[in-house]
Amino acid sequence: MLEALNQNTAEKLDKSFDAGYANAASALARMTTQQIGFNQIHAGFHPVGEVQIDDALVLNQGSLLLTTEIFGDITGKSYLFFSDKEVDLLTTGIPVGKDASINLKEEFLKEVDNILSASVITKLSNELKAKMYGDIPLLQGKTLAKIEHTIEDDFSEQTENIYVNMISFSVTGHPEIKPVFVWVLDSSVFESIKTKSII
């Protein structure tokens, strides 16, 4: 199947994700009042279990992981990673709530993930002419696992081939702040793109 995917399909997906990430960067800029950009780290089709991310330093050990399930015509999952410094930047000014059972900083981070994922999904849905929806974000906690292994665990039982697109956000004046956003779409995206005749 991977051999049958032509360059136009990959280019269409890259263009769609670029539009989505630009939308997400604008949303993050509004939330943080910072200038936000993004840099692509990786994009490509892979058999599950054969994903290789070249930049091993891109994720800090002990990053906080939030995930959002994607469903509809195209299914998959997004992964958003924050280092401790990035969490501090985002949650500065968030008070400690009166209810000890509710962590307002964690709830805020889930809302950040919700907004960023929705920003990407809106553009992907429009560009790919497909119905796509995001589930409620889940805060998975701190992770030491390599992203390749996490992807394999999540997708090995549901599909053979996946499309991976990965960026880091950049914050002007804060080179140490670079949250990583990873999107994985399962093989349903291939047939969807073909049948919609969008390329």
N, C-alpha and C. Protein backbone atom coordinates (compact mmCIF):
# COMPACT_ATOMS: atom_id res chain seq x y z
N MET A 1 0.83 -1.21 0.00
CA MET A 1 0.00 0.00 0.00
C MET A 1 0.87 1.26 0.00
N LEU A 2 1.95 1.23 0.80
CA LEU A 2 2.77 2.43 0.89
C LEU A 2 3.39 2.78 -0.45
N GLU A 3 3.76 1.75 -1.25
CA GLU A 3 4.37 2.01 -2.53
C GLU A 3 3.39 2.70 -3.49
N ALA A 4 2.09 2.43 -3.28
CA ALA A 4 1.08 2.98 -4.18
C ALA A 4 0.76 4.45 -3.90
N LEU A 5 1.20 4.93 -2.77
CA LEU A 5 0.92 6.33 -2.41
C LEU A 5 1.84 7.25 -3.21
N ASN A 6 1.25 8.16 -3.94
CA ASN A 6 2.10 9.00 -4.76
C ASN A 6 2.52 10.27 -4.03
N GLN A 7 3.43 11.00 -4.66
CA GLN A 7 3.99 12.21 -4.04
C GLN A 7 2.90 13.25 -3.79
N ASN A 8 1.91 13.30 -4.67
CA ASN A 8 0.84 14.28 -4.50
C ASN A 8 0.09 14.08 -3.19
N THR A 9 -0.12 12.81 -2.81
CA THR A 9 -0.83 12.52 -1.56
C THR A 9 -0.05 13.06 -0.38
N ALA A 10 1.26 12.79 -0.35
CA ALA A 10 2.10 13.27 0.74
C ALA A 10 2.11 14.79 0.78
N GLU A 11 2.19 15.41 -0.40
CA GLU A 11 2.22 16.87 -0.45
C GLU A 11 0.90 17.46 0.04
N LYS A 12 -0.22 16.81 -0.32
CA LYS A 12 -1.52 17.29 0.14
C LYS A 12 -1.62 17.22 1.66
N LEU A 13 -1.15 16.12 2.23
CA LEU A 13 -1.18 15.98 3.69
C LEU A 13 -0.27 17.01 4.36
N ASP A 14 0.93 17.20 3.81
CA ASP A 14 1.86 18.18 4.40
C ASP A 14 1.25 19.58 4.37
N LYS A 15 0.64 19.94 3.23
CA LYS A 15 0.02 21.26 3.11
C LYS A 15 -1.13 21.41 4.10
N SER A 16 -1.91 20.35 4.26
CA SER A 16 -3.05 20.40 5.18
C SER A 16 -2.58 20.57 6.62
N PHE A 17 -1.54 19.83 6.99
CA PHE A 17 -1.02 19.95 8.35
C PHE A 17 -0.37 21.32 8.58
N ASP A 18 0.33 21.84 7.57
CA ASP A 18 0.92 23.17 7.73
C ASP A 18 -0.17 24.21 8.04
N ALA A 19 -1.29 24.12 7.33
CA ALA A 19 -2.40 25.04 7.59
C ALA A 19 -2.94 24.85 9.00
N GLY A 20 -3.03 23.59 9.43
CA GLY A 20 -3.51 23.30 10.78
C GLY A 20 -2.57 23.80 11.86
N TYR A 21 -1.28 23.60 11.66
CA TYR A 21 -0.31 24.05 12.65
C TYR A 21 -0.25 25.57 12.73
N ALA A 22 -0.38 26.23 11.59
CA ALA A 22 -0.41 27.70 11.60
C ALA A 22 -1.61 28.19 12.41
N ASN A 23 -2.74 27.52 12.25
CA ASN A 23 -3.94 27.84 13.01
C ASN A 23 -3.71 27.61 14.51
N ALA A 24 -3.05 26.50 14.84
CA ALA A 24 -2.76 26.18 16.24
C ALA A 24 -1.77 27.18 16.84
N ALA A 25 -0.75 27.56 16.06
CA ALA A 25 0.23 28.53 16.55
C ALA A 25 -0.44 29.87 16.86
N SER A 26 -1.38 30.27 16.01
CA SER A 26 -2.12 31.51 16.27
C SER A 26 -2.93 31.41 17.56
N ALA A 27 -3.54 30.25 17.78
CA ALA A 27 -4.33 30.04 19.00
C ALA A 27 -3.42 30.08 20.23
N LEU A 28 -2.25 29.44 20.13
CA LEU A 28 -1.32 29.42 21.26
C LEU A 28 -0.77 30.82 21.54
N ALA A 29 -0.56 31.59 20.48
CA ALA A 29 -0.09 32.97 20.64
C ALA A 29 -1.12 33.80 21.40
N ARG A 30 -2.40 33.59 21.09
CA ARG A 30 -3.45 34.33 21.80
C ARG A 30 -3.49 33.94 23.27
N MET A 31 -3.26 32.67 23.56
CA MET A 31 -3.32 32.20 24.95
C MET A 31 -2.14 32.69 25.78
N THR A 32 -0.98 32.80 25.15
CA THR A 32 0.25 33.11 25.90
C THR A 32 0.71 34.54 25.73
N THR A 33 0.10 35.29 24.81
CA THR A 33 0.55 36.63 24.41
C THR A 33 2.03 36.63 24.01
N GLN A 34 2.47 35.52 23.42
CA GLN A 34 3.84 35.40 22.90
C GLN A 34 3.76 35.22 21.39
N GLN A 35 4.89 35.47 20.72
CA GLN A 35 4.97 35.19 19.28
C GLN A 35 5.32 33.72 19.11
N ILE A 36 4.44 32.99 18.41
CA ILE A 36 4.59 31.54 18.28
C ILE A 36 4.78 31.15 16.81
N GLY A 37 5.74 30.29 16.57
CA GLY A 37 5.93 29.70 15.25
C GLY A 37 5.99 28.19 15.40
N PHE A 38 6.34 27.49 14.32
CA PHE A 38 6.50 26.04 14.43
C PHE A 38 7.50 25.55 13.40
N ASN A 39 8.13 24.43 13.70
CA ASN A 39 9.13 23.82 12.82
C ASN A 39 8.80 22.35 12.64
N GLN A 40 8.74 21.92 11.38
CA GLN A 40 8.46 20.50 11.15
C GLN A 40 9.69 19.66 11.50
N ILE A 41 9.44 18.57 12.19
CA ILE A 41 10.49 17.65 12.59
C ILE A 41 10.47 16.41 11.71
N HIS A 42 9.25 15.96 11.39
CA HIS A 42 9.14 14.69 10.67
C HIS A 42 7.77 14.61 10.00
N ALA A 43 7.74 14.02 8.82
CA ALA A 43 6.47 13.74 8.14
C ALA A 43 6.69 12.56 7.20
N GLY A 44 5.78 11.59 7.23
CA GLY A 44 5.91 10.48 6.30
C GLY A 44 5.01 9.30 6.62
N PHE A 45 4.91 8.41 5.64
CA PHE A 45 4.16 7.16 5.79
C PHE A 45 5.08 6.07 6.30
N HIS A 46 4.55 5.23 7.19
CA HIS A 46 5.36 4.16 7.78
C HIS A 46 4.49 2.94 8.09
N PRO A 47 5.06 1.75 7.97
CA PRO A 47 4.42 0.60 8.62
C PRO A 47 4.50 0.81 10.13
N VAL A 48 3.46 0.41 10.85
CA VAL A 48 3.49 0.52 12.32
C VAL A 48 4.69 -0.28 12.83
N GLY A 49 5.42 0.29 13.74
CA GLY A 49 6.59 -0.39 14.29
C GLY A 49 7.88 -0.02 13.59
N GLU A 50 7.77 0.76 12.50
CA GLU A 50 8.98 1.14 11.78
C GLU A 50 9.16 2.66 11.72
N VAL A 51 8.51 3.37 12.63
CA VAL A 51 8.67 4.83 12.69
C VAL A 51 10.03 5.16 13.30
N GLN A 52 10.76 6.03 12.65
CA GLN A 52 12.07 6.47 13.16
C GLN A 52 12.07 7.99 13.21
N ILE A 53 12.18 8.55 14.40
CA ILE A 53 12.29 10.00 14.55
C ILE A 53 13.77 10.34 14.67
N ASP A 54 14.29 11.10 13.72
CA ASP A 54 15.73 11.34 13.66
C ASP A 54 16.25 12.17 14.84
N ASP A 55 15.48 13.17 15.24
CA ASP A 55 15.96 14.08 16.29
C ASP A 55 15.66 13.50 17.66
N ALA A 56 16.63 12.78 18.21
CA ALA A 56 16.42 12.10 19.49
C ALA A 56 16.33 13.09 20.65
N LEU A 57 16.81 14.32 20.44
CA LEU A 57 16.83 15.29 21.53
C LEU A 57 15.57 16.14 21.58
N VAL A 58 14.66 15.86 20.65
CA VAL A 58 13.50 16.74 20.52
C VAL A 58 12.58 16.67 21.73
N LEU A 59 12.50 15.52 22.37
CA LEU A 59 11.65 15.37 23.54
C LEU A 59 12.49 15.27 24.81
N ASN A 60 12.16 16.10 25.77
CA ASN A 60 12.85 16.02 27.05
C ASN A 60 12.35 14.81 27.82
N GLN A 61 13.26 14.15 28.51
CA GLN A 61 12.83 13.04 29.35
C GLN A 61 11.89 13.56 30.43
N GLY A 62 10.85 12.81 30.70
CA GLY A 62 9.90 13.23 31.72
C GLY A 62 8.91 14.26 31.23
N SER A 63 8.73 14.36 29.90
CA SER A 63 7.75 15.31 29.36
C SER A 63 6.34 14.90 29.78
N LEU A 64 5.50 15.92 29.98
CA LEU A 64 4.09 15.68 30.26
C LEU A 64 3.38 15.42 28.94
N LEU A 65 2.61 14.34 28.87
CA LEU A 65 1.95 13.94 27.63
C LEU A 65 0.44 14.09 27.74
N LEU A 66 -0.14 14.76 26.73
CA LEU A 66 -1.59 14.83 26.59
C LEU A 66 -1.95 14.24 25.23
N THR A 67 -3.03 13.49 25.17
CA THR A 67 -3.43 12.85 23.92
C THR A 67 -4.89 13.17 23.58
N THR A 68 -5.18 13.17 22.29
CA THR A 68 -6.54 13.37 21.81
C THR A 68 -6.83 12.34 20.72
N GLU A 69 -7.86 11.55 20.89
CA GLU A 69 -8.27 10.59 19.87
C GLU A 69 -8.99 11.33 18.75
N ILE A 70 -8.68 10.96 17.51
CA ILE A 70 -9.32 11.56 16.34
C ILE A 70 -10.24 10.52 15.72
N PHE A 71 -11.49 10.90 15.42
CA PHE A 71 -12.41 9.95 14.82
C PHE A 71 -13.23 10.65 13.73
N GLY A 72 -13.97 9.85 12.97
CA GLY A 72 -14.71 10.37 11.83
C GLY A 72 -14.27 9.65 10.57
N ASP A 73 -14.25 10.35 9.41
CA ASP A 73 -13.79 9.75 8.17
C ASP A 73 -12.32 9.33 8.26
N ILE A 74 -11.57 10.11 9.02
CA ILE A 74 -10.15 9.84 9.23
C ILE A 74 -9.94 9.66 10.73
N THR A 75 -9.24 8.60 11.11
CA THR A 75 -9.02 8.35 12.53
C THR A 75 -7.54 8.38 12.86
N GLY A 76 -7.23 8.63 14.11
CA GLY A 76 -5.85 8.70 14.53
C GLY A 76 -5.74 9.23 15.95
N LYS A 77 -4.63 9.91 16.21
CA LYS A 77 -4.39 10.39 17.57
C LYS A 77 -3.36 11.51 17.52
N SER A 78 -3.54 12.50 18.38
CA SER A 78 -2.51 13.53 18.53
C SER A 78 -1.85 13.39 19.90
N TYR A 79 -0.58 13.76 19.94
CA TYR A 79 0.22 13.69 21.16
C TYR A 79 0.87 15.05 21.37
N LEU A 80 0.64 15.65 22.52
CA LEU A 80 1.21 16.96 22.83
C LEU A 80 2.10 16.82 24.06
N PHE A 81 3.37 17.22 23.90
CA PHE A 81 4.36 17.06 24.97
C PHE A 81 4.79 18.41 25.52
N PHE A 82 4.80 18.52 26.85
CA PHE A 82 5.28 19.73 27.52
C PHE A 82 6.38 19.37 28.51
N SER A 83 7.48 20.12 28.47
CA SER A 83 8.50 20.00 29.51
C SER A 83 8.03 20.78 30.74
N ASP A 84 8.75 20.63 31.85
CA ASP A 84 8.39 21.37 33.06
C ASP A 84 8.41 22.88 32.82
N LYS A 85 9.41 23.35 32.06
CA LYS A 85 9.50 24.79 31.78
C LYS A 85 8.31 25.27 30.96
N GLU A 86 7.90 24.43 30.02
CA GLU A 86 6.76 24.80 29.17
C GLU A 86 5.47 24.82 29.97
N VAL A 87 5.33 23.89 30.89
CA VAL A 87 4.16 23.88 31.78
C VAL A 87 4.14 25.16 32.61
N ASP A 88 5.31 25.54 33.14
CA ASP A 88 5.39 26.76 33.95
C ASP A 88 4.99 27.99 33.15
N LEU A 89 5.47 28.08 31.90
CA LEU A 89 5.14 29.24 31.06
C LEU A 89 3.63 29.32 30.81
N LEU A 90 3.04 28.17 30.51
CA LEU A 90 1.62 28.14 30.17
C LEU A 90 0.71 28.37 31.38
N THR A 91 1.15 27.93 32.55
CA THR A 91 0.25 27.96 33.70
C THR A 91 0.57 29.07 34.70
N THR A 92 1.49 29.95 34.33
CA THR A 92 1.77 31.10 35.20
C THR A 92 0.49 31.90 35.40
N GLY A 93 0.16 32.15 36.62
CA GLY A 93 -1.05 32.91 36.91
C GLY A 93 -2.28 32.06 37.14
N ILE A 94 -2.18 30.74 36.91
CA ILE A 94 -3.31 29.86 37.20
C ILE A 94 -3.32 29.59 38.70
N PRO A 95 -4.37 29.95 39.41
CA PRO A 95 -4.39 29.80 40.87
C PRO A 95 -4.58 28.35 41.30
N VAL A 96 -4.27 28.09 42.53
CA VAL A 96 -4.58 26.80 43.14
C VAL A 96 -6.05 26.85 43.56
N GLY A 97 -6.84 25.92 43.12
CA GLY A 97 -8.27 25.95 43.41
C GLY A 97 -8.59 25.60 44.85
N LYS A 98 -9.78 25.95 45.28
CA LYS A 98 -10.22 25.63 46.64
C LYS A 98 -10.52 24.15 46.79
N ASP A 99 -10.94 23.52 45.68
CA ASP A 99 -11.24 22.09 45.70
C ASP A 99 -9.96 21.32 45.41
N ALA A 100 -9.45 20.61 46.42
CA ALA A 100 -8.17 19.91 46.28
C ALA A 100 -8.24 18.79 45.25
N SER A 101 -9.43 18.32 44.93
CA SER A 101 -9.57 17.22 43.98
C SER A 101 -9.46 17.68 42.53
N ILE A 102 -9.46 19.00 42.32
CA ILE A 102 -9.37 19.55 40.97
C ILE A 102 -8.07 20.34 40.84
N ASN A 103 -7.20 19.89 39.95
CA ASN A 103 -5.95 20.58 39.67
C ASN A 103 -6.19 21.54 38.51
N LEU A 104 -6.30 22.83 38.83
CA LEU A 104 -6.66 23.81 37.81
C LEU A 104 -5.60 23.92 36.71
N LYS A 105 -4.33 23.72 37.07
CA LYS A 105 -3.27 23.78 36.05
C LYS A 105 -3.42 22.64 35.05
N GLU A 106 -3.72 21.45 35.57
CA GLU A 106 -3.92 20.31 34.67
C GLU A 106 -5.15 20.51 33.80
N GLU A 107 -6.21 21.05 34.39
CA GLU A 107 -7.42 21.30 33.61
C GLU A 107 -7.15 22.34 32.51
N PHE A 108 -6.32 23.33 32.84
CA PHE A 108 -5.97 24.35 31.85
C PHE A 108 -5.16 23.73 30.71
N LEU A 109 -4.20 22.85 31.05
CA LEU A 109 -3.39 22.20 30.02
C LEU A 109 -4.25 21.34 29.10
N LYS A 110 -5.26 20.68 29.67
CA LYS A 110 -6.17 19.89 28.84
C LYS A 110 -6.96 20.80 27.90
N GLU A 111 -7.31 21.97 28.38
CA GLU A 111 -8.02 22.92 27.53
C GLU A 111 -7.10 23.44 26.42
N VAL A 112 -5.81 23.66 26.75
CA VAL A 112 -4.84 24.06 25.73
C VAL A 112 -4.77 22.99 24.64
N ASP A 113 -4.66 21.73 25.06
CA ASP A 113 -4.61 20.63 24.09
C ASP A 113 -5.88 20.59 23.26
N ASN A 114 -7.01 20.79 23.89
CA ASN A 114 -8.30 20.79 23.19
C ASN A 114 -8.33 21.87 22.11
N ILE A 115 -7.87 23.06 22.45
CA ILE A 115 -7.88 24.18 21.50
C ILE A 115 -6.91 23.94 20.36
N LEU A 116 -5.70 23.46 20.67
CA LEU A 116 -4.70 23.22 19.63
C LEU A 116 -5.13 22.09 18.70
N SER A 117 -5.65 21.01 19.28
CA SER A 117 -6.11 19.90 18.44
C SER A 117 -7.27 20.33 17.54
N ALA A 118 -8.21 21.07 18.11
CA ALA A 118 -9.35 21.55 17.32
C ALA A 118 -8.89 22.48 16.20
N SER A 119 -7.86 23.28 16.47
CA SER A 119 -7.33 24.20 15.45
C SER A 119 -6.78 23.43 14.26
N VAL A 120 -6.09 22.32 14.54
CA VAL A 120 -5.54 21.50 13.46
C VAL A 120 -6.65 20.73 12.75
N ILE A 121 -7.55 20.14 13.53
CA ILE A 121 -8.64 19.34 12.94
C ILE A 121 -9.50 20.18 11.99
N THR A 122 -9.77 21.41 12.36
CA THR A 122 -10.59 22.29 11.51
C THR A 122 -9.97 22.43 10.13
N LYS A 123 -8.66 22.69 10.10
CA LYS A 123 -7.98 22.87 8.81
C LYS A 123 -7.86 21.55 8.05
N LEU A 124 -7.52 20.45 8.77
CA LEU A 124 -7.42 19.16 8.11
C LEU A 124 -8.74 18.77 7.47
N SER A 125 -9.80 18.95 8.23
CA SER A 125 -11.14 18.59 7.75
C SER A 125 -11.49 19.36 6.49
N ASN A 126 -11.19 20.65 6.48
CA ASN A 126 -11.48 21.48 5.31
C ASN A 126 -10.61 21.10 4.12
N GLU A 127 -9.31 20.96 4.37
CA GLU A 127 -8.36 20.69 3.29
C GLU A 127 -8.57 19.30 2.68
N LEU A 128 -8.87 18.32 3.54
CA LEU A 128 -9.01 16.94 3.07
C LEU A 128 -10.45 16.59 2.71
N LYS A 129 -11.35 17.56 2.92
CA LYS A 129 -12.78 17.34 2.62
C LYS A 129 -13.29 16.08 3.33
N ALA A 130 -12.98 16.00 4.61
CA ALA A 130 -13.34 14.83 5.41
C ALA A 130 -13.92 15.28 6.75
N LYS A 131 -14.83 14.48 7.29
CA LYS A 131 -15.36 14.75 8.62
C LYS A 131 -14.39 14.21 9.66
N MET A 132 -13.92 15.10 10.52
CA MET A 132 -12.97 14.72 11.57
C MET A 132 -13.38 15.39 12.88
N TYR A 133 -13.22 14.65 13.97
CA TYR A 133 -13.60 15.16 15.28
C TYR A 133 -12.54 14.75 16.30
N GLY A 134 -12.40 15.55 17.33
CA GLY A 134 -11.47 15.22 18.40
C GLY A 134 -12.23 14.86 19.66
N ASP A 135 -11.79 13.81 20.34
CA ASP A 135 -12.39 13.41 21.60
C ASP A 135 -11.89 14.32 22.72
N ILE A 136 -12.35 14.09 23.93
CA ILE A 136 -11.89 14.88 25.08
C ILE A 136 -10.42 14.56 25.33
N PRO A 137 -9.56 15.58 25.47
CA PRO A 137 -8.13 15.32 25.71
C PRO A 137 -7.91 14.57 27.03
N LEU A 138 -6.91 13.71 27.03
CA LEU A 138 -6.53 12.97 28.23
C LEU A 138 -5.12 13.36 28.64
N LEU A 139 -4.95 13.66 29.91
CA LEU A 139 -3.62 13.94 30.43
C LEU A 139 -3.03 12.62 30.91
N GLN A 140 -2.00 12.15 30.18
CA GLN A 140 -1.43 10.84 30.47
C GLN A 140 -0.38 10.88 31.58
N GLY A 141 0.06 12.08 31.95
CA GLY A 141 1.11 12.21 32.95
C GLY A 141 2.48 12.25 32.30
N LYS A 142 3.51 12.16 33.10
CA LYS A 142 4.87 12.23 32.57
C LYS A 142 5.24 10.89 31.94
N THR A 143 5.95 10.99 30.82
CA THR A 143 6.33 9.77 30.10
C THR A 143 7.82 9.76 29.83
N LEU A 144 8.42 8.59 29.94
CA LEU A 144 9.82 8.39 29.59
C LEU A 144 9.95 7.56 28.32
N ALA A 145 8.83 7.07 27.81
CA ALA A 145 8.85 6.21 26.62
C ALA A 145 9.20 7.02 25.37
N LYS A 146 9.90 6.38 24.44
CA LYS A 146 10.15 7.01 23.15
C LYS A 146 8.83 7.11 22.39
N ILE A 147 8.67 8.20 21.64
CA ILE A 147 7.41 8.41 20.93
C ILE A 147 7.15 7.27 19.94
N GLU A 148 8.20 6.71 19.35
CA GLU A 148 8.02 5.59 18.42
C GLU A 148 7.34 4.41 19.10
N HIS A 149 7.75 4.14 20.34
CA HIS A 149 7.19 3.00 21.07
C HIS A 149 5.75 3.28 21.48
N THR A 150 5.47 4.53 21.86
CA THR A 150 4.11 4.90 22.23
C THR A 150 3.17 4.74 21.03
N ILE A 151 3.62 5.20 19.86
CA ILE A 151 2.81 5.07 18.64
C ILE A 151 2.56 3.59 18.32
N GLU A 152 3.61 2.79 18.42
CA GLU A 152 3.46 1.36 18.12
C GLU A 152 2.45 0.72 19.06
N ASP A 153 2.52 1.05 20.34
CA ASP A 153 1.58 0.49 21.32
C ASP A 153 0.15 0.89 20.98
N ASP A 154 -0.04 2.13 20.53
CA ASP A 154 -1.39 2.65 20.29
C ASP A 154 -2.00 2.15 18.97
N PHE A 155 -1.17 1.83 17.97
CA PHE A 155 -1.71 1.55 16.64
C PHE A 155 -1.48 0.13 16.14
N SER A 156 -0.68 -0.66 16.81
CA SER A 156 -0.30 -1.97 16.27
C SER A 156 -1.48 -2.92 16.11
N GLU A 157 -2.54 -2.74 16.90
CA GLU A 157 -3.68 -3.66 16.81
C GLU A 157 -4.78 -3.17 15.89
N GLN A 158 -4.67 -1.95 15.35
CA GLN A 158 -5.76 -1.43 14.54
C GLN A 158 -5.41 -1.17 13.08
N THR A 159 -4.13 -1.09 12.75
CA THR A 159 -3.78 -0.82 11.36
C THR A 159 -2.35 -1.26 11.09
N GLU A 160 -2.02 -1.43 9.82
CA GLU A 160 -0.66 -1.83 9.45
C GLU A 160 0.20 -0.62 9.08
N ASN A 161 -0.45 0.41 8.52
CA ASN A 161 0.29 1.56 8.01
C ASN A 161 -0.25 2.85 8.60
N ILE A 162 0.65 3.78 8.85
CA ILE A 162 0.26 5.06 9.46
C ILE A 162 0.98 6.21 8.76
N TYR A 163 0.40 7.39 8.94
CA TYR A 163 1.04 8.63 8.51
C TYR A 163 1.38 9.42 9.76
N VAL A 164 2.63 9.87 9.87
CA VAL A 164 3.09 10.60 11.05
C VAL A 164 3.52 11.99 10.64
N ASN A 165 3.05 13.00 11.37
CA ASN A 165 3.46 14.38 11.14
C ASN A 165 3.79 14.99 12.50
N MET A 166 4.98 15.58 12.63
CA MET A 166 5.48 16.00 13.93
C MET A 166 6.15 17.37 13.83
N ILE A 167 5.79 18.27 14.74
CA ILE A 167 6.40 19.61 14.78
C ILE A 167 6.82 19.94 16.21
N SER A 168 7.61 21.01 16.31
CA SER A 168 7.79 21.65 17.61
C SER A 168 7.37 23.11 17.45
N PHE A 169 6.67 23.62 18.44
CA PHE A 169 6.35 25.05 18.44
C PHE A 169 7.59 25.82 18.87
N SER A 170 7.70 27.06 18.45
CA SER A 170 8.79 27.93 18.89
C SER A 170 8.21 29.21 19.47
N VAL A 171 8.85 29.72 20.51
CA VAL A 171 8.40 30.94 21.18
C VAL A 171 9.50 31.98 21.06
N THR A 172 9.21 33.09 20.40
CA THR A 172 10.21 34.14 20.20
C THR A 172 10.78 34.60 21.53
N GLY A 173 12.10 34.57 21.63
CA GLY A 173 12.77 35.01 22.86
C GLY A 173 12.90 33.94 23.91
N HIS A 174 12.34 32.76 23.64
CA HIS A 174 12.42 31.65 24.61
C HIS A 174 12.85 30.38 23.86
N PRO A 175 14.14 30.28 23.48
CA PRO A 175 14.59 29.13 22.71
C PRO A 175 14.45 27.80 23.43
N GLU A 176 14.37 27.87 24.76
CA GLU A 176 14.24 26.63 25.53
C GLU A 176 12.81 26.10 25.54
N ILE A 177 11.87 26.90 25.05
CA ILE A 177 10.46 26.51 25.03
C ILE A 177 10.11 26.00 23.63
N LYS A 178 9.85 24.71 23.51
CA LYS A 178 9.51 24.14 22.20
C LYS A 178 8.63 22.91 22.37
N PRO A 179 7.37 23.11 22.76
CA PRO A 179 6.45 21.97 22.89
C PRO A 179 6.36 21.17 21.59
N VAL A 180 6.29 19.87 21.72
CA VAL A 180 6.24 18.98 20.56
C VAL A 180 4.82 18.48 20.34
N PHE A 181 4.37 18.52 19.09
CA PHE A 181 3.01 18.12 18.71
C PHE A 181 3.15 17.04 17.64
N VAL A 182 2.63 15.86 17.92
CA VAL A 182 2.74 14.72 17.01
C VAL A 182 1.34 14.26 16.61
N TRP A 183 1.15 14.05 15.31
CA TRP A 183 -0.13 13.56 14.79
C TRP A 183 0.10 12.25 14.06
N VAL A 184 -0.73 11.27 14.34
CA VAL A 184 -0.65 9.97 13.69
C VAL A 184 -2.03 9.64 13.14
N LEU A 185 -2.09 9.38 11.83
CA LEU A 185 -3.34 8.99 11.19
C LEU A 185 -3.20 7.55 10.72
N ASP A 186 -4.25 6.75 10.94
CA ASP A 186 -4.13 5.35 10.52
C ASP A 186 -4.50 5.21 9.04
N SER A 187 -4.49 3.98 8.53
CA SER A 187 -4.58 3.76 7.08
C SER A 187 -5.90 4.23 6.47
N SER A 188 -6.89 4.56 7.29
CA SER A 188 -8.15 5.08 6.74
C SER A 188 -7.92 6.37 5.96
N VAL A 189 -6.88 7.12 6.30
CA VAL A 189 -6.61 8.37 5.60
C VAL A 189 -6.27 8.11 4.13
N PHE A 190 -5.65 6.99 3.83
CA PHE A 190 -5.25 6.71 2.46
C PHE A 190 -6.48 6.58 1.56
N GLU A 191 -7.42 5.74 1.98
CA GLU A 191 -8.62 5.53 1.18
C GLU A 191 -9.47 6.78 1.12
N SER A 192 -9.49 7.54 2.22
CA SER A 192 -10.29 8.75 2.25
C SER A 192 -9.78 9.75 1.22
N ILE A 193 -8.47 9.89 1.16
CA ILE A 193 -7.89 10.83 0.22
C ILE A 193 -8.16 10.40 -1.23
N LYS A 194 -8.08 9.09 -1.47
CA LYS A 194 -8.33 8.58 -2.83
C LYS A 194 -9.79 8.80 -3.24
N THR A 195 -10.72 8.44 -2.34
CA THR A 195 -12.13 8.48 -2.71
C THR A 195 -12.67 9.90 -2.81
N LYS A 196 -12.04 10.85 -2.08
CA LYS A 196 -12.50 12.23 -2.14
C LYS A 196 -11.98 12.95 -3.38
N SER A 197 -10.99 12.33 -4.08
CA SER A 197 -10.42 12.93 -5.29
C SER A 197 -9.98 14.37 -5.06
N ILE A 198 -9.18 14.55 -4.02
CA ILE A 198 -8.79 15.93 -3.68
C ILE A 198 -7.39 16.25 -4.15
N ILE A 199 -6.68 15.28 -4.70
CA ILE A 199 -5.28 15.55 -5.07
C ILE A 199 -5.15 15.80 -6.57
